[in-house]
Amino acid sequence: MRATVALLVVFGLMLAAGGQDKSTPQGWTAKTIQWQTTSPDGTKWAVLQGKADVPDEMFTYAAFVPAGYHDRHSHSSDVWVAVAQGTLKISFGNNQTRFQAYPVGSVLFVPANEEHIMAADKDTILIGTAMGPWSTHHHEEHQHH
């Protein structure tokens, strides 16, 4: 219960910081997120508030990471991520074998250009907040096992 409350508080703070239309309350569940893009590897993406392509604009997004996903990448800007469903496994730097598991309710900060490997053993949903313009640089061919 504490993890759920903490996640809701963090999620609320992220929305307050990045809200495009602060006069309209909004909320989402894992089932009501309207995914805007789906990649061939099974990942899905949705911008919930703000715009990811506008310089110096904060935005909040949801990302679906399917079971078996494994990808080394970095992002163009700092990002705060909360795990809303499943468990995110992440490894920073060049160590491809030391993963830390972050279950529901976990919150992570990933600095811009920080190379990391993101993986999931079960379907996982992340809620993130970052500054635009946003891009992801893949350091090796990502895989979906």
N, C-alpha and C. Protein backbone atom coordinates (compact mmCIF):
# COMPACT_ATOMS: atom_id res chain seq x y z
N MET A 1 0.82 -1.18 0.00
CA MET A 1 0.00 0.00 0.00
C MET A 1 0.87 1.26 0.00
N ARG A 2 1.93 1.26 0.81
CA ARG A 2 2.81 2.44 0.85
C ARG A 2 3.41 2.73 -0.52
N ALA A 3 3.82 1.66 -1.25
CA ALA A 3 4.42 1.85 -2.57
C ALA A 3 3.42 2.49 -3.52
N THR A 4 2.14 2.06 -3.44
CA THR A 4 1.12 2.62 -4.30
C THR A 4 0.89 4.09 -3.98
N VAL A 5 0.82 4.43 -2.70
CA VAL A 5 0.64 5.83 -2.31
C VAL A 5 1.83 6.67 -2.76
N ALA A 6 3.05 6.15 -2.56
CA ALA A 6 4.25 6.87 -2.98
C ALA A 6 4.24 7.08 -4.49
N LEU A 7 3.85 6.07 -5.24
CA LEU A 7 3.80 6.18 -6.69
C LEU A 7 2.78 7.24 -7.11
N LEU A 8 1.62 7.24 -6.46
CA LEU A 8 0.60 8.24 -6.81
C LEU A 8 1.07 9.65 -6.49
N VAL A 9 1.77 9.83 -5.38
CA VAL A 9 2.30 11.15 -5.03
C VAL A 9 3.33 11.60 -6.06
N VAL A 10 4.27 10.72 -6.41
CA VAL A 10 5.29 11.05 -7.41
C VAL A 10 4.64 11.34 -8.75
N PHE A 11 3.68 10.51 -9.14
CA PHE A 11 2.98 10.70 -10.40
C PHE A 11 2.26 12.06 -10.39
N GLY A 12 1.62 12.39 -9.29
CA GLY A 12 0.93 13.68 -9.18
C GLY A 12 1.90 14.85 -9.30
N LEU A 13 3.07 14.72 -8.67
CA LEU A 13 4.08 15.77 -8.77
C LEU A 13 4.59 15.91 -10.20
N MET A 14 4.78 14.77 -10.88
CA MET A 14 5.26 14.82 -12.26
C MET A 14 4.22 15.52 -13.14
N LEU A 15 2.95 15.22 -12.93
CA LEU A 15 1.91 15.85 -13.74
C LEU A 15 1.82 17.34 -13.43
N ALA A 16 1.93 17.70 -12.16
CA ALA A 16 1.86 19.11 -11.80
C ALA A 16 3.01 19.89 -12.43
N ALA A 17 4.18 19.28 -12.48
CA ALA A 17 5.34 19.96 -13.04
C ALA A 17 5.25 20.07 -14.56
N GLY A 18 4.63 19.09 -15.21
CA GLY A 18 4.67 19.06 -16.67
C GLY A 18 3.32 19.25 -17.33
N GLY A 19 2.30 19.64 -16.57
CA GLY A 19 0.96 19.72 -17.12
C GLY A 19 0.83 20.70 -18.26
N GLN A 20 0.21 20.24 -19.34
CA GLN A 20 -0.03 21.11 -20.48
C GLN A 20 -1.27 21.94 -20.23
N ASP A 21 -2.30 21.33 -19.68
CA ASP A 21 -3.54 22.03 -19.37
C ASP A 21 -3.83 21.77 -17.90
N LYS A 22 -3.36 22.66 -17.06
CA LYS A 22 -3.46 22.45 -15.61
C LYS A 22 -4.88 22.69 -15.10
N SER A 23 -5.78 23.17 -15.95
CA SER A 23 -7.14 23.42 -15.50
C SER A 23 -8.04 22.20 -15.64
N THR A 24 -7.54 21.13 -16.24
CA THR A 24 -8.34 19.92 -16.44
C THR A 24 -7.71 18.74 -15.72
N PRO A 25 -8.35 18.26 -14.64
CA PRO A 25 -7.81 17.07 -13.97
C PRO A 25 -7.83 15.88 -14.92
N GLN A 26 -6.81 15.04 -14.82
CA GLN A 26 -6.72 13.86 -15.66
C GLN A 26 -6.13 12.72 -14.86
N GLY A 27 -6.42 11.52 -15.27
CA GLY A 27 -5.86 10.34 -14.62
C GLY A 27 -5.87 9.18 -15.59
N TRP A 28 -4.99 8.20 -15.34
CA TRP A 28 -4.88 7.05 -16.21
C TRP A 28 -4.67 5.80 -15.37
N THR A 29 -5.06 4.68 -15.91
CA THR A 29 -4.70 3.38 -15.35
C THR A 29 -3.96 2.63 -16.45
N ALA A 30 -3.40 1.49 -16.12
CA ALA A 30 -2.69 0.69 -17.13
C ALA A 30 -3.60 0.35 -18.30
N LYS A 31 -4.90 0.22 -18.05
CA LYS A 31 -5.85 -0.15 -19.11
C LYS A 31 -6.38 1.04 -19.89
N THR A 32 -6.24 2.26 -19.37
CA THR A 32 -6.82 3.41 -20.07
C THR A 32 -5.79 4.26 -20.81
N ILE A 33 -4.51 3.92 -20.70
CA ILE A 33 -3.50 4.67 -21.46
C ILE A 33 -3.76 4.42 -22.94
N GLN A 34 -3.84 5.48 -23.72
CA GLN A 34 -4.03 5.35 -25.16
C GLN A 34 -2.65 5.41 -25.81
N TRP A 35 -2.12 4.24 -26.17
CA TRP A 35 -0.77 4.15 -26.74
C TRP A 35 -0.76 4.82 -28.11
N GLN A 36 0.21 5.71 -28.32
CA GLN A 36 0.28 6.47 -29.56
C GLN A 36 1.20 5.82 -30.59
N THR A 37 2.21 5.09 -30.12
CA THR A 37 3.10 4.39 -31.04
C THR A 37 3.41 3.00 -30.48
N THR A 38 3.54 2.04 -31.38
CA THR A 38 3.95 0.69 -31.02
C THR A 38 5.11 0.31 -31.94
N SER A 39 6.22 -0.09 -31.35
CA SER A 39 7.40 -0.49 -32.12
C SER A 39 7.34 -1.98 -32.43
N PRO A 40 8.07 -2.41 -33.47
CA PRO A 40 8.10 -3.84 -33.81
C PRO A 40 8.60 -4.72 -32.66
N ASP A 41 9.41 -4.16 -31.74
CA ASP A 41 9.92 -4.95 -30.61
C ASP A 41 8.89 -5.11 -29.50
N GLY A 42 7.70 -4.53 -29.68
CA GLY A 42 6.64 -4.68 -28.69
C GLY A 42 6.51 -3.53 -27.71
N THR A 43 7.48 -2.61 -27.70
CA THR A 43 7.38 -1.46 -26.80
C THR A 43 6.29 -0.51 -27.32
N LYS A 44 5.68 0.21 -26.38
CA LYS A 44 4.64 1.19 -26.72
C LYS A 44 4.97 2.49 -26.00
N TRP A 45 4.47 3.59 -26.55
CA TRP A 45 4.80 4.91 -26.04
C TRP A 45 3.57 5.80 -26.13
N ALA A 46 3.38 6.65 -25.12
CA ALA A 46 2.29 7.63 -25.14
C ALA A 46 2.73 8.86 -24.37
N VAL A 47 2.56 10.03 -24.95
CA VAL A 47 2.78 11.27 -24.22
C VAL A 47 1.46 11.58 -23.52
N LEU A 48 1.52 11.69 -22.19
CA LEU A 48 0.32 11.94 -21.40
C LEU A 48 0.04 13.43 -21.24
N GLN A 49 1.10 14.21 -21.05
CA GLN A 49 0.97 15.66 -20.88
C GLN A 49 2.18 16.33 -21.49
N GLY A 50 2.00 17.50 -22.09
CA GLY A 50 3.10 18.25 -22.68
C GLY A 50 3.42 17.73 -24.07
N LYS A 51 4.57 18.16 -24.58
CA LYS A 51 5.01 17.76 -25.92
C LYS A 51 6.48 17.36 -25.86
N ALA A 52 6.79 16.16 -26.37
CA ALA A 52 8.14 15.62 -26.29
C ALA A 52 9.10 16.26 -27.28
N ASP A 53 8.57 16.96 -28.28
CA ASP A 53 9.43 17.51 -29.33
C ASP A 53 9.65 19.02 -29.21
N VAL A 54 9.19 19.64 -28.14
CA VAL A 54 9.33 21.08 -27.97
C VAL A 54 10.50 21.37 -27.03
N PRO A 55 11.48 22.17 -27.47
CA PRO A 55 12.63 22.48 -26.62
C PRO A 55 12.20 23.13 -25.30
N ASP A 56 12.84 22.68 -24.24
CA ASP A 56 12.64 23.22 -22.89
C ASP A 56 11.22 23.08 -22.36
N GLU A 57 10.44 22.16 -22.91
CA GLU A 57 9.11 21.89 -22.36
C GLU A 57 9.14 20.55 -21.65
N MET A 58 8.66 20.55 -20.41
CA MET A 58 8.57 19.31 -19.65
C MET A 58 7.36 18.52 -20.14
N PHE A 59 7.52 17.21 -20.24
CA PHE A 59 6.41 16.36 -20.65
C PHE A 59 6.42 15.08 -19.82
N THR A 60 5.26 14.45 -19.73
CA THR A 60 5.12 13.20 -19.00
C THR A 60 4.65 12.14 -19.99
N TYR A 61 5.26 10.97 -19.91
CA TYR A 61 4.95 9.90 -20.86
C TYR A 61 4.73 8.58 -20.14
N ALA A 62 4.11 7.66 -20.86
CA ALA A 62 3.99 6.28 -20.40
C ALA A 62 4.73 5.42 -21.41
N ALA A 63 5.42 4.40 -20.93
CA ALA A 63 6.13 3.46 -21.80
C ALA A 63 5.78 2.04 -21.37
N PHE A 64 5.45 1.21 -22.34
CA PHE A 64 5.18 -0.20 -22.10
C PHE A 64 6.41 -0.99 -22.53
N VAL A 65 6.95 -1.78 -21.62
CA VAL A 65 8.14 -2.60 -21.89
C VAL A 65 7.69 -4.06 -21.78
N PRO A 66 7.68 -4.80 -22.90
CA PRO A 66 7.17 -6.18 -22.86
C PRO A 66 8.13 -7.16 -22.19
N ALA A 67 7.57 -8.24 -21.70
CA ALA A 67 8.38 -9.32 -21.12
C ALA A 67 9.41 -9.77 -22.15
N GLY A 68 10.66 -9.94 -21.70
CA GLY A 68 11.73 -10.40 -22.58
C GLY A 68 12.51 -9.28 -23.24
N TYR A 69 12.12 -8.04 -23.01
CA TYR A 69 12.80 -6.90 -23.64
C TYR A 69 14.17 -6.68 -23.00
N HIS A 70 15.15 -6.26 -23.84
CA HIS A 70 16.52 -5.99 -23.38
C HIS A 70 17.12 -4.99 -24.35
N ASP A 71 17.53 -3.80 -23.87
CA ASP A 71 18.02 -2.77 -24.77
C ASP A 71 19.03 -1.86 -24.08
N ARG A 72 20.17 -1.62 -24.76
CA ARG A 72 21.18 -0.66 -24.27
C ARG A 72 20.93 0.65 -25.00
N HIS A 73 20.76 1.73 -24.22
CA HIS A 73 20.48 3.02 -24.83
C HIS A 73 20.79 4.17 -23.87
N SER A 74 20.63 5.38 -24.37
CA SER A 74 20.71 6.59 -23.55
C SER A 74 19.66 7.56 -24.08
N HIS A 75 19.39 8.60 -23.29
CA HIS A 75 18.38 9.60 -23.67
C HIS A 75 19.03 10.97 -23.78
N SER A 76 18.39 11.84 -24.54
CA SER A 76 18.93 13.18 -24.79
C SER A 76 18.77 14.12 -23.60
N SER A 77 17.92 13.80 -22.66
CA SER A 77 17.74 14.66 -21.49
C SER A 77 17.52 13.83 -20.23
N ASP A 78 17.66 14.48 -19.08
CA ASP A 78 17.41 13.82 -17.80
C ASP A 78 15.98 13.28 -17.79
N VAL A 79 15.78 12.17 -17.09
CA VAL A 79 14.42 11.62 -16.97
C VAL A 79 14.20 11.05 -15.57
N TRP A 80 13.01 11.31 -15.04
CA TRP A 80 12.53 10.69 -13.81
C TRP A 80 11.55 9.62 -14.25
N VAL A 81 11.69 8.40 -13.71
CA VAL A 81 10.83 7.28 -14.11
C VAL A 81 10.25 6.62 -12.86
N ALA A 82 8.94 6.36 -12.91
CA ALA A 82 8.26 5.59 -11.86
C ALA A 82 7.74 4.30 -12.49
N VAL A 83 7.89 3.19 -11.77
CA VAL A 83 7.41 1.90 -12.25
C VAL A 83 5.96 1.75 -11.80
N ALA A 84 5.03 1.71 -12.77
CA ALA A 84 3.60 1.65 -12.48
C ALA A 84 3.05 0.23 -12.54
N GLN A 85 3.71 -0.65 -13.30
CA GLN A 85 3.28 -2.05 -13.41
C GLN A 85 4.51 -2.89 -13.72
N GLY A 86 4.56 -4.10 -13.19
CA GLY A 86 5.67 -5.00 -13.48
C GLY A 86 6.92 -4.67 -12.69
N THR A 87 8.07 -5.03 -13.25
CA THR A 87 9.36 -4.79 -12.62
C THR A 87 10.36 -4.38 -13.70
N LEU A 88 10.98 -3.23 -13.54
CA LEU A 88 12.02 -2.76 -14.45
C LEU A 88 13.36 -3.27 -13.96
N LYS A 89 14.13 -3.85 -14.86
CA LYS A 89 15.50 -4.25 -14.53
C LYS A 89 16.42 -3.29 -15.28
N ILE A 90 17.42 -2.75 -14.57
CA ILE A 90 18.29 -1.77 -15.20
C ILE A 90 19.73 -1.97 -14.76
N SER A 91 20.64 -1.74 -15.70
CA SER A 91 22.07 -1.82 -15.44
C SER A 91 22.71 -0.58 -16.04
N PHE A 92 23.46 0.16 -15.23
CA PHE A 92 24.11 1.38 -15.71
C PHE A 92 25.55 1.10 -16.13
N GLY A 93 26.03 1.88 -17.11
CA GLY A 93 27.42 1.75 -17.56
C GLY A 93 27.64 0.54 -18.44
N ASN A 94 28.85 0.01 -18.39
CA ASN A 94 29.22 -1.09 -19.27
C ASN A 94 28.97 -2.48 -18.69
N ASN A 95 28.57 -2.55 -17.42
CA ASN A 95 28.34 -3.84 -16.79
C ASN A 95 27.00 -4.40 -17.23
N GLN A 96 27.03 -5.38 -18.11
CA GLN A 96 25.81 -5.95 -18.66
C GLN A 96 25.23 -7.08 -17.82
N THR A 97 25.86 -7.41 -16.72
CA THR A 97 25.39 -8.54 -15.92
C THR A 97 24.84 -8.13 -14.56
N ARG A 98 25.11 -6.91 -14.10
CA ARG A 98 24.61 -6.47 -12.79
C ARG A 98 23.36 -5.63 -12.96
N PHE A 99 22.22 -6.29 -12.88
CA PHE A 99 20.94 -5.61 -13.00
C PHE A 99 20.36 -5.40 -11.61
N GLN A 100 19.76 -4.25 -11.43
CA GLN A 100 18.98 -3.97 -10.22
C GLN A 100 17.51 -4.04 -10.63
N ALA A 101 16.70 -4.73 -9.85
CA ALA A 101 15.27 -4.85 -10.14
C ALA A 101 14.51 -3.77 -9.38
N TYR A 102 13.62 -3.08 -10.07
CA TYR A 102 12.81 -2.03 -9.48
C TYR A 102 11.33 -2.39 -9.66
N PRO A 103 10.68 -2.83 -8.57
CA PRO A 103 9.27 -3.23 -8.66
C PRO A 103 8.33 -2.00 -8.66
N VAL A 104 7.03 -2.27 -8.75
CA VAL A 104 6.02 -1.22 -8.71
C VAL A 104 6.26 -0.31 -7.51
N GLY A 105 6.17 0.98 -7.75
CA GLY A 105 6.38 1.97 -6.70
C GLY A 105 7.79 2.53 -6.67
N SER A 106 8.69 1.93 -7.44
CA SER A 106 10.08 2.42 -7.50
C SER A 106 10.15 3.67 -8.37
N VAL A 107 11.09 4.55 -8.02
CA VAL A 107 11.33 5.78 -8.79
C VAL A 107 12.82 5.86 -9.08
N LEU A 108 13.16 6.17 -10.34
CA LEU A 108 14.55 6.27 -10.76
C LEU A 108 14.81 7.61 -11.41
N PHE A 109 16.04 8.08 -11.29
CA PHE A 109 16.51 9.26 -12.02
C PHE A 109 17.64 8.79 -12.94
N VAL A 110 17.51 9.08 -14.23
CA VAL A 110 18.54 8.71 -15.21
C VAL A 110 19.03 10.00 -15.88
N PRO A 111 20.29 10.38 -15.66
CA PRO A 111 20.82 11.61 -16.27
C PRO A 111 20.90 11.51 -17.79
N ALA A 112 20.86 12.64 -18.44
CA ALA A 112 21.02 12.71 -19.90
C ALA A 112 22.31 12.02 -20.31
N ASN A 113 22.25 11.30 -21.41
CA ASN A 113 23.40 10.62 -22.02
C ASN A 113 24.00 9.51 -21.17
N GLU A 114 23.33 9.09 -20.10
CA GLU A 114 23.80 7.98 -19.25
C GLU A 114 23.42 6.66 -19.93
N GLU A 115 24.44 5.94 -20.40
CA GLU A 115 24.18 4.67 -21.06
C GLU A 115 23.69 3.65 -20.03
N HIS A 116 22.62 2.95 -20.38
CA HIS A 116 22.08 1.94 -19.48
C HIS A 116 21.38 0.85 -20.28
N ILE A 117 21.24 -0.30 -19.63
CA ILE A 117 20.49 -1.40 -20.23
C ILE A 117 19.18 -1.51 -19.47
N MET A 118 18.10 -1.53 -20.22
CA MET A 118 16.77 -1.66 -19.65
C MET A 118 16.22 -3.02 -20.07
N ALA A 119 15.66 -3.75 -19.10
CA ALA A 119 15.13 -5.08 -19.40
C ALA A 119 13.89 -5.33 -18.55
N ALA A 120 13.10 -6.31 -18.97
CA ALA A 120 11.92 -6.70 -18.21
C ALA A 120 11.67 -8.19 -18.42
N ASP A 121 11.38 -8.88 -17.32
CA ASP A 121 11.03 -10.30 -17.39
C ASP A 121 9.52 -10.48 -17.52
N LYS A 122 8.78 -9.43 -17.16
CA LYS A 122 7.32 -9.46 -17.31
C LYS A 122 6.89 -8.08 -17.83
N ASP A 123 5.70 -8.04 -18.42
CA ASP A 123 5.21 -6.78 -18.97
C ASP A 123 5.28 -5.69 -17.91
N THR A 124 5.86 -4.55 -18.30
CA THR A 124 6.13 -3.46 -17.36
C THR A 124 5.68 -2.13 -17.97
N ILE A 125 5.09 -1.28 -17.13
CA ILE A 125 4.70 0.07 -17.57
C ILE A 125 5.44 1.08 -16.73
N LEU A 126 6.05 2.05 -17.41
CA LEU A 126 6.79 3.13 -16.77
C LEU A 126 6.08 4.45 -17.02
N ILE A 127 6.14 5.34 -16.04
CA ILE A 127 5.67 6.71 -16.21
C ILE A 127 6.89 7.59 -16.02
N GLY A 128 7.20 8.41 -17.02
CA GLY A 128 8.41 9.22 -16.97
C GLY A 128 8.13 10.69 -17.22
N THR A 129 9.02 11.53 -16.73
CA THR A 129 8.96 12.96 -16.98
C THR A 129 10.34 13.41 -17.44
N ALA A 130 10.38 14.18 -18.52
CA ALA A 130 11.64 14.66 -19.09
C ALA A 130 11.39 16.00 -19.78
N MET A 131 12.47 16.60 -20.28
CA MET A 131 12.39 17.84 -21.03
C MET A 131 12.59 17.55 -22.50
N GLY A 132 11.84 18.23 -23.35
CA GLY A 132 12.01 18.09 -24.78
C GLY A 132 13.14 18.97 -25.28
N PRO A 133 13.61 18.75 -26.49
CA PRO A 133 13.18 17.65 -27.36
C PRO A 133 13.81 16.33 -26.91
N TRP A 134 13.04 15.26 -27.01
CA TRP A 134 13.40 13.95 -26.50
C TRP A 134 13.86 13.04 -27.63
N SER A 135 14.94 12.33 -27.39
CA SER A 135 15.35 11.29 -28.32
C SER A 135 16.07 10.20 -27.53
N THR A 136 16.03 9.00 -28.09
CA THR A 136 16.71 7.84 -27.49
C THR A 136 17.75 7.35 -28.48
N HIS A 137 18.97 7.15 -27.98
CA HIS A 137 20.05 6.64 -28.83
C HIS A 137 20.32 5.19 -28.43
N HIS A 138 20.09 4.26 -29.37
CA HIS A 138 20.32 2.83 -29.10
C HIS A 138 21.78 2.51 -29.37
N HIS A 139 22.47 1.92 -28.37
CA HIS A 139 23.90 1.64 -28.47
C HIS A 139 24.20 0.28 -29.07
N GLU A 140 23.22 -0.56 -29.17
CA GLU A 140 23.35 -1.86 -29.83
C GLU A 140 21.96 -2.24 -30.29
N GLU A 141 21.88 -3.20 -31.15
CA GLU A 141 20.56 -3.65 -31.62
C GLU A 141 19.76 -4.14 -30.42
N HIS A 142 18.59 -3.53 -30.19
CA HIS A 142 17.80 -4.01 -29.04
C HIS A 142 17.09 -5.30 -29.40
N GLN A 143 16.77 -6.03 -28.35
CA GLN A 143 16.26 -7.37 -28.53
C GLN A 143 14.97 -7.55 -27.77
N HIS A 144 14.16 -8.44 -28.24
CA HIS A 144 12.99 -8.90 -27.52
C HIS A 144 13.05 -10.41 -27.55
N HIS A 145 13.36 -11.00 -26.40
CA HIS A 145 13.53 -12.46 -26.32
C HIS A 145 12.21 -13.15 -26.16
